[in-house]
C-alpha atoms as a PDB file:
ATOM      1  CA  MET A   1     -14.952   2.325  -1.815  1.00  0.00           C
ATOM      2  CA  HIS A   2     -12.131   0.925  -3.940  1.00  0.00           C
ATOM      3  CA  LYS A   3      -9.358   3.392  -4.936  1.00  0.00           C
ATOM      4  CA  LEU A   4      -7.386   1.617  -7.490  1.00  0.00           C
ATOM      5  CA  ALA A   5      -9.242   3.126 -10.183  1.00  0.00           C
ATOM      6  CA  ALA A   6      -8.057   6.790  -9.466  1.00  0.00           C
ATOM      7  CA  VAL A   7      -4.332   5.735  -9.671  1.00  0.00           C
ATOM      8  CA  ARG A   8      -3.960   3.827 -12.970  1.00  0.00           C
ATOM      9  CA  THR A   9      -2.576   6.736 -14.988  1.00  0.00           C
ATOM     10  CA  ALA A  10       1.232   6.698 -15.133  1.00  0.00           C
ATOM     11  CA  ALA A  11       1.581  10.047 -16.299  1.00  0.00           C
ATOM     12  CA  VAL A  12      -0.325  11.640 -13.361  1.00  0.00           C
ATOM     13  CA  SER A  13       1.581   9.544 -11.012  1.00  0.00           C
ATOM     14  CA  ALA A  14       5.013  10.563 -12.375  1.00  0.00           C
ATOM     15  CA  ALA A  15       4.068  14.229 -12.307  1.00  0.00           C
ATOM     16  CA  LEU A  16       3.185  13.762  -8.619  1.00  0.00           C
ATOM     17  CA  LEU A  17       6.321  11.829  -7.307  1.00  0.00           C
ATOM     18  CA  PRO A  18       8.585  14.912  -7.104  1.00  0.00           C
ATOM     19  CA  LEU A  19       6.110  16.797  -5.089  1.00  0.00           C
ATOM     20  CA  LEU A  20       5.052  13.912  -2.954  1.00  0.00           C
ATOM     21  CA  ALA A  21       8.888  13.021  -2.199  1.00  0.00           C
ATOM     22  CA  VAL A  22       9.361  16.453  -0.844  1.00  0.00           C
ATOM     23  CA  THR A  23       6.173  16.418   1.266  1.00  0.00           C
ATOM     24  CA  LEU A  24       6.857  12.906   2.828  1.00  0.00           C
ATOM     25  CA  GLY A  25      10.517  13.764   3.385  1.00  0.00           C
ATOM     26  CA  GLY A  26       9.727  17.001   5.045  1.00  0.00           C
ATOM     27  CA  CYS A  27       6.870  15.685   7.438  1.00  0.00           C
ATOM     28  CA  GLY A  28       8.650  12.432   8.222  1.00  0.00           C
ATOM     29  CA  LEU A  29       5.209  10.899   8.235  1.00  0.00           C
ATOM     30  CA  LYS A  30       4.648  11.830  11.859  1.00  0.00           C
ATOM     31  CA  SER A  31       1.170  10.506  11.869  1.00  0.00           C
ATOM     32  CA  GLY A  32       0.265   7.094  12.854  1.00  0.00           C
ATOM     33  CA  SER A  33      -0.347   5.274  16.309  1.00  0.00           C
ATOM     34  CA  PRO A  34       1.605   2.316  18.129  1.00  0.00           C
ATOM     35  CA  MET A  35      -0.049  -1.088  17.563  1.00  0.00           C
ATOM     36  CA  VAL A  36      -0.834  -2.186  21.187  1.00  0.00           C
ATOM     37  CA  ASP A  37      -2.697  -5.529  20.512  1.00  0.00           C
ATOM     38  CA  ASP A  38      -1.459  -8.274  22.888  1.00  0.00           C
ATOM     39  CA  VAL A  39      -0.748 -11.034  20.239  1.00  0.00           C
ATOM     40  CA  VAL A  40       1.551 -14.001  20.149  1.00  0.00           C
ATOM     41  CA  PRO A  41       2.936 -16.457  17.504  1.00  0.00           C
ATOM     42  CA  GLY A  42       0.691 -18.961  16.128  1.00  0.00           C
ATOM     43  CA  SER A  43       1.847 -20.837  13.052  1.00  0.00           C
ATOM     44  CA  VAL A  44       4.122 -17.983  12.287  1.00  0.00           C
ATOM     45  CA  GLY A  45       6.572 -15.792  14.472  1.00  0.00           C
ATOM     46  CA  GLN A  46       7.779 -18.865  16.591  1.00  0.00           C
ATOM     47  CA  GLY A  47      10.963 -17.846  18.454  1.00  0.00           C
ATOM     48  CA  LEU A  48      10.056 -13.989  18.156  1.00  0.00           C
ATOM     49  CA  PRO A  49      12.459 -13.321  15.085  1.00  0.00           C
ATOM     50  CA  LEU A  50      11.442  -9.629  15.028  1.00  0.00           C
ATOM     51  CA  LYS A  51      12.178  -9.079  18.803  1.00  0.00           C
ATOM     52  CA  GLY A  52      13.857  -5.787  19.181  1.00  0.00           C
ATOM     53  CA  ALA A  53      12.748  -4.316  15.784  1.00  0.00           C
ATOM     54  CA  SER A  54      10.743  -1.276  15.301  1.00  0.00           C
ATOM     55  CA  LEU A  55       8.603  -1.467  12.186  1.00  0.00           C
ATOM     56  CA  THR A  56       6.128   0.789  10.437  1.00  0.00           C
ATOM     57  CA  VAL A  57       3.231  -0.500   8.268  1.00  0.00           C
ATOM     58  CA  THR A  58       1.199   1.665   5.829  1.00  0.00           C
ATOM     59  CA  SER A  59      -1.590   1.253   3.267  1.00  0.00           C
ATOM     60  CA  LYS A  60      -3.894   2.931   0.906  1.00  0.00           C
ATOM     61  CA  ASN A  61      -7.081   4.360   2.086  1.00  0.00           C
ATOM     62  CA  PHE A  62      -9.635   1.900   0.985  1.00  0.00           C
ATOM     63  CA  SER A  63     -10.834  -0.930   3.114  1.00  0.00           C
ATOM     64  CA  GLU A  64      -9.148  -3.997   1.405  1.00  0.00           C
ATOM     65  CA  ASN A  65      -5.767  -2.296   1.436  1.00  0.00           C
ATOM     66  CA  ILE A  66      -6.344  -1.247   5.026  1.00  0.00           C
ATOM     67  CA  ILE A  67      -7.138  -4.666   6.233  1.00  0.00           C
ATOM     68  CA  LEU A  68      -4.065  -6.197   4.435  1.00  0.00           C
ATOM     69  CA  GLY A  69      -1.738  -3.451   6.169  1.00  0.00           C
ATOM     70  CA  GLN A  70      -3.405  -4.301   9.447  1.00  0.00           C
ATOM     71  CA  MET A  71      -2.537  -8.116   8.796  1.00  0.00           C
ATOM     72  CA  ILE A  72       1.091  -7.167   8.279  1.00  0.00           C
ATOM     73  CA  GLY A  73       1.159  -5.158  11.556  1.00  0.00           C
ATOM     74  CA  LEU A  74      -0.203  -7.992  13.602  1.00  0.00           C
ATOM     75  CA  VAL A  75       1.886 -10.491  12.190  1.00  0.00           C
ATOM     76  CA  PHE A  76       5.063  -8.247  13.067  1.00  0.00           C
ATOM     77  CA  LYS A  77       3.643  -7.447  16.342  1.00  0.00           C
ATOM     78  CA  ALA A  78       3.132 -11.341  17.164  1.00  0.00           C
ATOM     79  CA  ALA A  79       6.783 -12.018  15.968  1.00  0.00           C
ATOM     80  CA  GLY A  80       8.107  -9.541  18.631  1.00  0.00           C
ATOM     81  CA  ALA A  81       8.394  -6.086  16.907  1.00  0.00           C
ATOM     82  CA  GLU A  82       7.201  -2.855  18.128  1.00  0.00           C
ATOM     83  CA  VAL A  83       4.872  -1.836  15.360  1.00  0.00           C
ATOM     84  CA  LEU A  84       3.769   1.748  14.316  1.00  0.00           C
ATOM     85  CA  ASP A  85       0.520   1.741  12.360  1.00  0.00           C
ATOM     86  CA  ARG A  86       0.599   4.251   9.514  1.00  0.00           C
ATOM     87  CA  THR A  87      -2.307   2.658   7.413  1.00  0.00           C
ATOM     88  CA  ASN A  88      -5.053   4.432   5.593  1.00  0.00           C
ATOM     89  CA  LEU A  89      -2.697   6.919   3.725  1.00  0.00           C
ATOM     90  CA  PRO A  90      -4.555   9.117   0.992  1.00  0.00           C
ATOM     91  CA  GLY A  91      -4.336   7.348  -2.470  1.00  0.00           C
ATOM     92  CA  SER A  92      -1.596   5.195  -3.750  1.00  0.00           C
ATOM     93  CA  ILE A  93       1.197   7.446  -4.233  1.00  0.00           C
ATOM     94  CA  SER A  94       1.817   8.437  -0.743  1.00  0.00           C
ATOM     95  CA  ALA A  95       1.924   4.774   0.758  1.00  0.00           C
ATOM     96  CA  ARG A  96       4.127   3.815  -2.213  1.00  0.00           C
ATOM     97  CA  GLU A  97       6.407   6.644  -1.549  1.00  0.00           C
ATOM     98  CA  ALA A  98       6.582   5.912   2.185  1.00  0.00           C
ATOM     99  CA  VAL A  99       7.860   2.398   1.364  1.00  0.00           C
ATOM    100  CA  ARG A 100      10.195   3.503  -1.267  1.00  0.00           C
ATOM    101  CA  GLN A 101      11.892   6.284   0.838  1.00  0.00           C
ATOM    102  CA  GLY A 102      11.959   3.993   4.119  1.00  0.00           C
ATOM    103  CA  ASP A 103       9.368   6.209   6.122  1.00  0.00           C
ATOM    104  CA  ALA A 104       7.415   2.949   6.154  1.00  0.00           C
ATOM    105  CA  ASP A 105       8.633  -0.613   5.954  1.00  0.00           C
ATOM    106  CA  ALA A 106       6.031  -2.599   4.660  1.00  0.00           C
ATOM    107  CA  MET A 107       2.334  -2.628   2.831  1.00  0.00           C
ATOM    108  CA  TYR A 108       0.527  -4.841   0.420  1.00  0.00           C
ATOM    109  CA  GLU A 109       0.639  -3.468  -3.125  1.00  0.00           C
ATOM    110  CA  TYR A 110      -0.860  -4.596  -6.349  1.00  0.00           C
ATOM    111  CA  THR A 111       1.186  -5.801  -9.249  1.00  0.00           C
ATOM    112  CA  GLY A 112      -0.764  -4.103 -11.826  1.00  0.00           C
ATOM    113  CA  THR A 113      -0.545  -0.775 -10.202  1.00  0.00           C
ATOM    114  CA  ALA A 114       3.221  -1.088  -9.794  1.00  0.00           C
ATOM    115  CA  TRP A 115       3.903  -2.168 -13.250  1.00  0.00           C
ATOM    116  CA  ILE A 116       1.600   0.442 -15.053  1.00  0.00           C
ATOM    117  CA  THR A 117       1.324   3.399 -12.570  1.00  0.00           C
ATOM    118  CA  TYR A 118       4.839   3.324 -10.787  1.00  0.00           C
ATOM    119  CA  LEU A 119       6.951   1.788 -13.439  1.00  0.00           C
ATOM    120  CA  GLY A 120       5.234   3.436 -16.400  1.00  0.00           C
ATOM    121  CA  HIS A 121       4.357   0.445 -18.783  1.00  0.00           C
ATOM    122  CA  ASP A 122       1.414   0.619 -21.199  1.00  0.00           C
ATOM    123  CA  LYS A 123       0.825  -3.047 -21.531  1.00  0.00           C
ATOM    124  CA  PRO A 124       0.192  -5.697 -18.633  1.00  0.00           C
ATOM    125  CA  ILE A 125       1.676  -9.009 -18.786  1.00  0.00           C
ATOM    126  CA  GLU A 126      -0.972 -11.576 -18.982  1.00  0.00           C
ATOM    127  CA  ASP A 127       0.746 -14.256 -16.897  1.00  0.00           C
ATOM    128  CA  PRO A 128       0.055 -13.257 -13.162  1.00  0.00           C
ATOM    129  CA  TYR A 129       3.242 -14.790 -12.006  1.00  0.00           C
ATOM    130  CA  LYS A 130       5.406 -13.364 -14.817  1.00  0.00           C
ATOM    131  CA  GLN A 131       3.757  -9.918 -14.006  1.00  0.00           C
ATOM    132  CA  TRP A 132       4.844 -10.143 -10.453  1.00  0.00           C
ATOM    133  CA  GLU A 133       8.345 -11.198 -11.396  1.00  0.00           C
ATOM    134  CA  ALA A 134       8.773  -8.425 -13.928  1.00  0.00           C
ATOM    135  CA  VAL A 135       7.578  -5.876 -11.109  1.00  0.00           C
ATOM    136  CA  ARG A 136      10.000  -7.520  -8.564  1.00  0.00           C
ATOM    137  CA  ASP A 137      13.065  -7.277 -10.783  1.00  0.00           C
ATOM    138  CA  ALA A 138      12.242  -3.866 -12.215  1.00  0.00           C
ATOM    139  CA  ASP A 139      11.526  -2.335  -8.465  1.00  0.00           C
ATOM    140  CA  VAL A 140      14.937  -3.310  -7.385  1.00  0.00           C
ATOM    141  CA  ARG A 141      16.552  -0.010  -8.624  1.00  0.00           C
ATOM    142  CA  ASN A 142      13.988   1.702  -6.772  1.00  0.00           C
ATOM    143  CA  GLY A 143      15.107   0.377  -3.273  1.00  0.00           C
ATOM    144  CA  VAL A 144      11.881  -1.694  -3.083  1.00  0.00           C
ATOM    145  CA  ALA A 145      11.703  -5.483  -2.584  1.00  0.00           C
ATOM    146  CA  TRP A 146       8.788  -7.551  -3.397  1.00  0.00           C
ATOM    147  CA  LEU A 147       7.720 -10.987  -1.578  1.00  0.00           C
ATOM    148  CA  PRO A 148       5.673 -13.691  -3.600  1.00  0.00           C
ATOM    149  CA  PRO A 149       2.122 -12.695  -4.545  1.00  0.00           C
ATOM    150  CA  SER A 150      -1.422 -13.975  -3.465  1.00  0.00           C
ATOM    151  CA  THR A 151      -3.948 -15.281  -5.804  1.00  0.00           C
ATOM    152  CA  LEU A 152      -6.200 -12.183  -4.639  1.00  0.00           C
ATOM    153  CA  ASN A 153      -6.604 -10.282  -7.947  1.00  0.00           C
ATOM    154  CA  ASN A 154      -8.534  -6.894  -7.294  1.00  0.00           C
ATOM    155  CA  THR A 155      -9.088  -6.157 -11.079  1.00  0.00           C
ATOM    156  CA  TYR A 156     -11.956  -4.763 -13.140  1.00  0.00           C
ATOM    157  CA  THR A 157     -14.940  -6.871 -13.982  1.00  0.00           C
ATOM    158  CA  LEU A 158     -18.486  -6.245 -15.143  1.00  0.00           C
ATOM    159  CA  ALA A 159     -21.366  -7.246 -12.759  1.00  0.00           C
ATOM    160  CA  ILE A 160     -24.872  -8.014 -13.423  1.00  0.00           C
ATOM    161  CA  SER A 161     -27.770  -8.937 -10.825  1.00  0.00           C
ATOM    162  CA  LYS A 162     -28.542 -12.677 -10.849  1.00  0.00           C
ATOM    163  CA  LYS A 163     -32.141 -11.609 -11.500  1.00  0.00           C
ATOM    164  CA  ASN A 164     -31.179 -10.161 -14.772  1.00  0.00           C
ATOM    165  CA  ASN A 165     -28.710 -12.736 -15.765  1.00  0.00           C
ATOM    166  CA  ALA A 166     -31.399 -15.499 -15.396  1.00  0.00           C
ATOM    167  CA  LYS A 167     -32.714 -13.944 -18.811  1.00  0.00           C
ATOM    168  CA  TYR A 168     -29.445 -13.581 -20.615  1.00  0.00           C
ATOM    169  CA  GLY A 169     -27.067 -16.235 -19.155  1.00  0.00           C
ATOM    170  CA  LEU A 170     -23.977 -13.916 -19.498  1.00  0.00           C
ATOM    171  CA  LYS A 171     -20.719 -15.560 -18.143  1.00  0.00           C
ATOM    172  CA  THR A 172     -17.935 -13.820 -20.203  1.00  0.00           C
ATOM    173  CA  MET A 173     -17.398 -10.487 -21.676  1.00  0.00           C
ATOM    174  CA  SER A 174     -17.478 -12.016 -24.938  1.00  0.00           C
ATOM    175  CA  ASP A 175     -21.032 -12.866 -24.198  1.00  0.00           C
ATOM    176  CA  VAL A 176     -21.714  -9.274 -23.460  1.00  0.00           C
ATOM    177  CA  ALA A 177     -20.018  -8.562 -26.985  1.00  0.00           C
ATOM    178  CA  ARG A 178     -22.356 -10.987 -28.653  1.00  0.00           C
ATOM    179  CA  LEU A 179     -25.262  -9.477 -26.933  1.00  0.00           C
ATOM    180  CA  SER A 180     -24.418  -5.810 -27.839  1.00  0.00           C
ATOM    181  CA  ASN A 181     -24.194  -6.907 -31.404  1.00  0.00           C
ATOM    182  CA  GLU A 182     -27.358  -8.744 -31.535  1.00  0.00           C
ATOM    183  CA  ASN A 183     -29.455  -6.419 -29.413  1.00  0.00           C
ATOM    184  CA  PRO A 184     -27.802  -3.234 -28.652  1.00  0.00           C
ATOM    185  CA  SER A 185     -30.554  -1.719 -26.700  1.00  0.00           C
ATOM    186  CA  ALA A 186     -30.250  -4.244 -24.147  1.00  0.00           C
ATOM    187  CA  VAL A 187     -26.813  -3.465 -23.191  1.00  0.00           C
ATOM    188  CA  THR A 188     -26.896  -0.452 -20.566  1.00  0.00           C
ATOM    189  CA  VAL A 189     -23.608  -0.121 -18.426  1.00  0.00           C
ATOM    190  CA  CYS A 190     -22.929   2.047 -15.405  1.00  0.00           C
ATOM    191  CA  VAL A 191     -19.513   3.328 -15.044  1.00  0.00           C
ATOM    192  CA  GLU A 192     -17.384   5.885 -13.284  1.00  0.00           C
ATOM    193  CA  ASN A 193     -16.492   8.902 -15.203  1.00  0.00           C
ATOM    194  CA  GLU A 194     -12.687   7.770 -15.352  1.00  0.00           C
ATOM    195  CA  PHE A 195     -13.509   4.419 -16.683  1.00  0.00           C
ATOM    196  CA  ALA A 196     -15.633   5.699 -19.421  1.00  0.00           C
ATOM    197  CA  SER A 197     -12.883   7.718 -21.036  1.00  0.00           C
ATOM    198  CA  ARG A 198      -9.829   5.765 -20.542  1.00  0.00           C
ATOM    199  CA  GLU A 199      -8.297   3.281 -23.032  1.00  0.00           C
ATOM    200  CA  ASP A 200      -7.714   0.815 -20.031  1.00  0.00           C
ATOM    201  CA  GLY A 201     -11.508   1.403 -19.346  1.00  0.00           C
ATOM    202  CA  LEU A 202     -14.618   1.006 -21.360  1.00  0.00           C
ATOM    203  CA  PRO A 203     -13.379   2.377 -24.722  1.00  0.00           C
ATOM    204  CA  GLY A 204     -10.325  -0.120 -24.701  1.00  0.00           C
ATOM    205  CA  MET A 205     -12.573  -2.829 -23.520  1.00  0.00           C
ATOM    206  CA  GLU A 206     -15.084  -2.148 -26.321  1.00  0.00           C
ATOM    207  CA  LYS A 207     -12.340  -2.334 -28.856  1.00  0.00           C
ATOM    208  CA  ALA A 208     -11.008  -5.600 -27.449  1.00  0.00           C
ATOM    209  CA  TYR A 209     -14.169  -7.303 -27.487  1.00  0.00           C
ATOM    210  CA  GLY A 210     -15.737  -5.738 -30.691  1.00  0.00           C
ATOM    211  CA  MET A 211     -18.586  -4.454 -28.419  1.00  0.00           C
ATOM    212  CA  LYS A 212     -21.149  -1.843 -29.692  1.00  0.00           C
ATOM    213  CA  ILE A 213     -22.487  -0.021 -26.876  1.00  0.00           C
ATOM    214  CA  PRO A 214     -24.390   3.156 -27.903  1.00  0.00           C
ATOM    215  CA  ALA A 215     -23.285   6.273 -26.053  1.00  0.00           C
ATOM    216  CA  GLY A 216     -26.837   6.786 -24.630  1.00  0.00           C
ATOM    217  CA  ASN A 217     -26.555   3.489 -22.887  1.00  0.00           C
ATOM    218  CA  VAL A 218     -23.607   4.401 -20.882  1.00  0.00           C
ATOM    219  CA  MET A 219     -24.467   6.135 -17.473  1.00  0.00           C
ATOM    220  CA  LYS A 220     -21.707   7.628 -15.492  1.00  0.00           C
ATOM    221  CA  MET A 221     -21.933   7.747 -11.432  1.00  0.00           C
ATOM    222  CA  ASP A 222     -19.945   7.332  -8.424  1.00  0.00           C
ATOM    223  CA  ALA A 223     -18.663   3.880  -7.910  1.00  0.00           C
ATOM    224  CA  GLY A 224     -20.519   3.165  -4.724  1.00  0.00           C
ATOM    225  CA  ILE A 225     -23.915   3.994  -6.541  1.00  0.00           C
ATOM    226  CA  ILE A 226     -23.136   1.609  -9.465  1.00  0.00           C
ATOM    227  CA  TYR A 227     -23.410  -1.651  -7.278  1.00  0.00           C
ATOM    228  CA  THR A 228     -26.859  -0.482  -6.127  1.00  0.00           C
ATOM    229  CA  GLN A 229     -27.965   0.469  -9.604  1.00  0.00           C
ATOM    230  CA  VAL A 230     -26.986  -2.847 -11.090  1.00  0.00           C
ATOM    231  CA  SER A 231     -28.594  -4.651  -8.173  1.00  0.00           C
ATOM    232  CA  LYS A 232     -31.803  -2.857  -7.532  1.00  0.00           C
ATOM    233  CA  SER A 233     -32.700  -1.001 -10.836  1.00  0.00           C
ATOM    234  CA  ASP A 234     -33.386  -1.684 -14.612  1.00  0.00           C
ATOM    235  CA  SER A 235     -31.196   1.335 -15.585  1.00  0.00           C
ATOM    236  CA  CYS A 236     -27.952  -0.569 -15.493  1.00  0.00           C
ATOM    237  CA  LEU A 237     -27.909  -4.137 -16.996  1.00  0.00           C
ATOM    238  CA  LEU A 238     -24.096  -4.051 -16.398  1.00  0.00           C
ATOM    239  CA  GLY A 239     -21.890  -2.088 -14.063  1.00  0.00           C
ATOM    240  CA  GLU A 240     -18.045  -1.523 -13.543  1.00  0.00           C
ATOM    241  CA  ALA A 241     -16.927  -3.457 -10.488  1.00  0.00           C
ATOM    242  CA  PHE A 242     -13.952  -4.803  -8.844  1.00  0.00           C
ATOM    243  CA  THR A 243     -13.623  -8.484  -8.472  1.00  0.00           C
ATOM    244  CA  THR A 244     -12.944  -8.371  -4.566  1.00  0.00           C
ATOM    245  CA  ASP A 245     -15.599  -5.975  -3.566  1.00  0.00           C
ATOM    246  CA  GLY A 246     -17.627  -7.273  -0.849  1.00  0.00           C
ATOM    247  CA  ARG A 247     -20.885  -5.873  -2.278  1.00  0.00           C
ATOM    248  CA  ILE A 248     -20.576  -8.407  -5.087  1.00  0.00           C
ATOM    249  CA  LYS A 249     -22.054 -11.223  -2.810  1.00  0.00           C
ATOM    250  CA  ALA A 250     -23.937  -9.245  -0.604  1.00  0.00           C
ATOM    251  CA  MET A 251     -26.108  -7.784  -3.491  1.00  0.00           C
ATOM    252  CA  ASP A 252     -26.339 -11.052  -5.000  1.00  0.00           C
ATOM    253  CA  LEU A 253     -24.428 -10.079  -8.305  1.00  0.00           C
ATOM    254  CA  ASP A 254     -22.654 -12.321 -10.962  1.00  0.00           C
ATOM    255  CA  THR A 255     -19.390 -11.180 -12.481  1.00  0.00           C
ATOM    256  CA  LEU A 256     -18.237 -11.700 -15.811  1.00  0.00           C
ATOM    257  CA  VAL A 257     -14.899 -13.578 -16.903  1.00  0.00           C
ATOM    258  CA  ASP A 258     -12.620 -11.305 -18.766  1.00  0.00           C
ATOM    259  CA  ASP A 259     -11.817 -14.076 -21.275  1.00  0.00           C
ATOM    260  CA  ARG A 260      -9.612 -11.979 -23.705  1.00  0.00           C
ATOM    261  CA  HIS A 261      -7.451 -10.884 -20.566  1.00  0.00           C
ATOM    262  CA  PHE A 262      -8.006  -7.354 -21.464  1.00  0.00           C
ATOM    263  CA  PHE A 263      -7.561  -5.951 -17.865  1.00  0.00           C
ATOM    264  CA  PRO A 264      -4.127  -6.252 -15.984  1.00  0.00           C
ATOM    265  CA  ASN A 265      -3.746  -8.537 -13.040  1.00  0.00           C
ATOM    266  CA  TYR A 266      -3.860  -6.788  -9.751  1.00  0.00           C
ATOM    267  CA  ASN A 267      -2.513  -9.602  -7.414  1.00  0.00           C
ATOM    268  CA  ALA A 268      -1.601  -8.413  -3.949  1.00  0.00           C
ATOM    269  CA  ALA A 269       1.906  -8.831  -2.630  1.00  0.00           C
ATOM    270  CA  PRO A 270       4.086  -7.465   0.063  1.00  0.00           C
ATOM    271  CA  GLU A 271       6.112  -4.652  -1.017  1.00  0.00           C
ATOM    272  CA  LEU A 272       9.032  -3.649   1.411  1.00  0.00           C
ATOM    273  CA  HIS A 273      11.742  -1.084   1.855  1.00  0.00           C
ATOM    274  CA  ALA A 274      14.598  -3.173   0.500  1.00  0.00           C
ATOM    275  CA  ARG A 275      17.073  -2.275   3.512  1.00  0.00           C
ATOM    276  CA  THR A 276      14.184  -3.350   5.825  1.00  0.00           C
ATOM    277  CA  LEU A 277      14.101  -6.904   4.294  1.00  0.00           C
ATOM    278  CA  ALA A 278      17.928  -7.044   4.230  1.00  0.00           C
ATOM    279  CA  GLU A 279      17.967  -6.166   7.976  1.00  0.00           C
ATOM    280  CA  HIS A 280      15.088  -8.624   8.845  1.00  0.00           C
ATOM    281  CA  PRO A 281      15.035 -11.471   6.298  1.00  0.00           C
ATOM    282  CA  ALA A 282      12.632 -13.465   8.577  1.00  0.00           C
ATOM    283  CA  ILE A 283       9.781 -11.189   7.362  1.00  0.00           C
ATOM    284  CA  ALA A 284       9.663 -13.456   4.210  1.00  0.00           C
ATOM    285  CA  GLY A 285       8.866 -16.359   6.174  1.00  0.00           C
ATOM    286  CA  LEU A 286       6.381 -14.578   8.406  1.00  0.00           C
ATOM    287  CA  LEU A 287       4.310 -13.185   5.448  1.00  0.00           C
ATOM    288  CA  ASP A 288       4.586 -15.910   2.844  1.00  0.00           C
ATOM    289  CA  PRO A 289       2.071 -18.054   4.632  1.00  0.00           C
ATOM    290  CA  VAL A 290      -0.385 -15.387   5.079  1.00  0.00           C
ATOM    291  CA  THR A 291      -0.158 -14.231   1.392  1.00  0.00           C
ATOM    292  CA  LYS A 292      -0.732 -17.796   0.224  1.00  0.00           C
ATOM    293  CA  ARG A 293      -3.828 -17.958   2.150  1.00  0.00           C
ATOM    294  CA  LEU A 294      -5.376 -14.659   0.612  1.00  0.00           C
ATOM    295  CA  THR A 295      -7.822 -15.344  -2.412  1.00  0.00           C
ATOM    296  CA  THR A 296     -10.034 -13.102  -4.244  1.00  0.00           C
ATOM    297  CA  GLN A 297     -12.910 -14.923  -2.304  1.00  0.00           C
ATOM    298  CA  THR A 298     -11.437 -14.428   0.914  1.00  0.00           C
ATOM    299  CA  ALA A 299     -11.080 -10.586   0.212  1.00  0.00           C
ATOM    300  CA  GLN A 300     -14.563 -10.458  -0.934  1.00  0.00           C
ATOM    301  CA  ARG A 301     -15.899 -11.997   2.436  1.00  0.00           C
ATOM    302  CA  LEU A 302     -13.433  -9.540   4.582  1.00  0.00           C
ATOM    303  CA  ASN A 303     -14.335  -6.451   2.423  1.00  0.00           C
ATOM    304  CA  ALA A 304     -17.978  -7.122   2.937  1.00  0.00           C
ATOM    305  CA  MET A 305     -17.341  -7.404   6.717  1.00  0.00           C
ATOM    306  CA  VAL A 306     -16.050  -3.564   6.553  1.00  0.00           C
ATOM    307  CA  ASP A 307     -18.115  -2.173   3.633  1.00  0.00           C
ATOM    308  CA  VAL A 308     -21.473  -3.925   4.220  1.00  0.00           C
ATOM    309  CA  GLU A 309     -21.435  -4.825   7.966  1.00  0.00           C
ATOM    310  CA  GLY A 310     -19.616  -1.613   9.160  1.00  0.00           C
ATOM    311  CA  ARG A 311     -16.791  -3.368  11.012  1.00  0.00           C
ATOM    312  CA  ASP A 312     -13.387  -2.040  11.812  1.00  0.00           C
ATOM    313  CA  PRO A 313     -10.693  -3.212   9.356  1.00  0.00           C
ATOM    314  CA  HIS A 314      -8.398  -3.958  12.271  1.00  0.00           C
ATOM    315  CA  ASP A 315     -10.898  -6.232  14.023  1.00  0.00           C
ATOM    316  CA  VAL A 316     -11.377  -7.961  10.592  1.00  0.00           C
ATOM    317  CA  ALA A 317      -7.708  -8.534  10.157  1.00  0.00           C
ATOM    318  CA  LYS A 318      -6.841  -9.860  13.515  1.00  0.00           C
ATOM    319  CA  GLU A 319     -10.044 -12.110  13.500  1.00  0.00           C
ATOM    320  CA  TRP A 320      -9.078 -13.485  10.227  1.00  0.00           C
ATOM    321  CA  LEU A 321      -5.376 -14.112  11.218  1.00  0.00           C
ATOM    322  CA  VAL A 322      -6.444 -15.766  14.505  1.00  0.00           C
ATOM    323  CA  GLY A 323      -9.123 -17.906  12.819  1.00  0.00           C
ATOM    324  CA  GLU A 324      -6.534 -19.143  10.373  1.00  0.00           C
ATOM    325  CA  GLY A 325      -3.972 -19.990  13.160  1.00  0.00           C
ATOM    326  CA  PHE A 326      -1.198 -17.630  12.037  1.00  0.00           C
ATOM    327  CA  ILE A 327      -1.349 -15.633  15.461  1.00  0.00           C
ATOM    328  CA  LYS A 328      -3.000 -16.059  18.888  1.00  0.00           C
ATOM    329  CA  GLU A 329      -4.501 -13.636  21.440  1.00  0.00           C
ATOM    330  CA  GLY A 330      -1.899 -13.171  24.164  1.00  0.00           C
END
């Protein structure tokens, strides 16, 4: 299940940072295991530019971010580094703090999460690249360096089954607004508790689009159940979803375009401890080609391998990197 929704409140994050800093500093992030894969350079890592380096990779604890963290580790390993795998840390804050403090060297982070949750801004920047630039520039003071972003955008959307959408023909959230005004009883929505109450969730979306969804038509449930309810029942015409979730394709769902750009851009980009990048500038050349190949559709496919097929995130990451020619089996 996707974990971004649980970390998009800046006030809560700010309150947790001091405690987390003590916790991370005290334990030294001792968990983790060496990455032992026998991998060699493909299109990246030629000349073993990281030979002799000892690097630690981390991630949050949901499938997509674990996959992305494994990709970083495998690329580092193929380029000659000794790699410690500390992916799958609980929540966003712990992984972020590990990179910020230097207990970990690199992870894939999301621009919207950084801008709103870590850096404390209320309003997103509409242009994805300008959002990344603003994050990169602001995070310098925290000792965090950002490499260029992917087009992979793990943001909110509304999902509808193709079966139901054959009747309504919804393509955008503005279409939902029109339907909600013309036929309020038709618009039923399943959402998580948090999304139902936050201004950057359902209430704000209703205001931005002029939707009129009766309170009785909003059902609250766990995120994983939402996809099933939208796909297989009539209780939810629409459901809160994430654009990169593998269940969208697996369950034959349509997703609606946020045509008024209400939700922030959550583009994945490598986030590094600044000193690490200064000591190993070759990292930029290793990760940039990988990042450029990461799209929302690619993430959907890889996430489905884990969340629908039950495969291991490490294996999925390795298979993709080898298939794309970035690294080779040793």
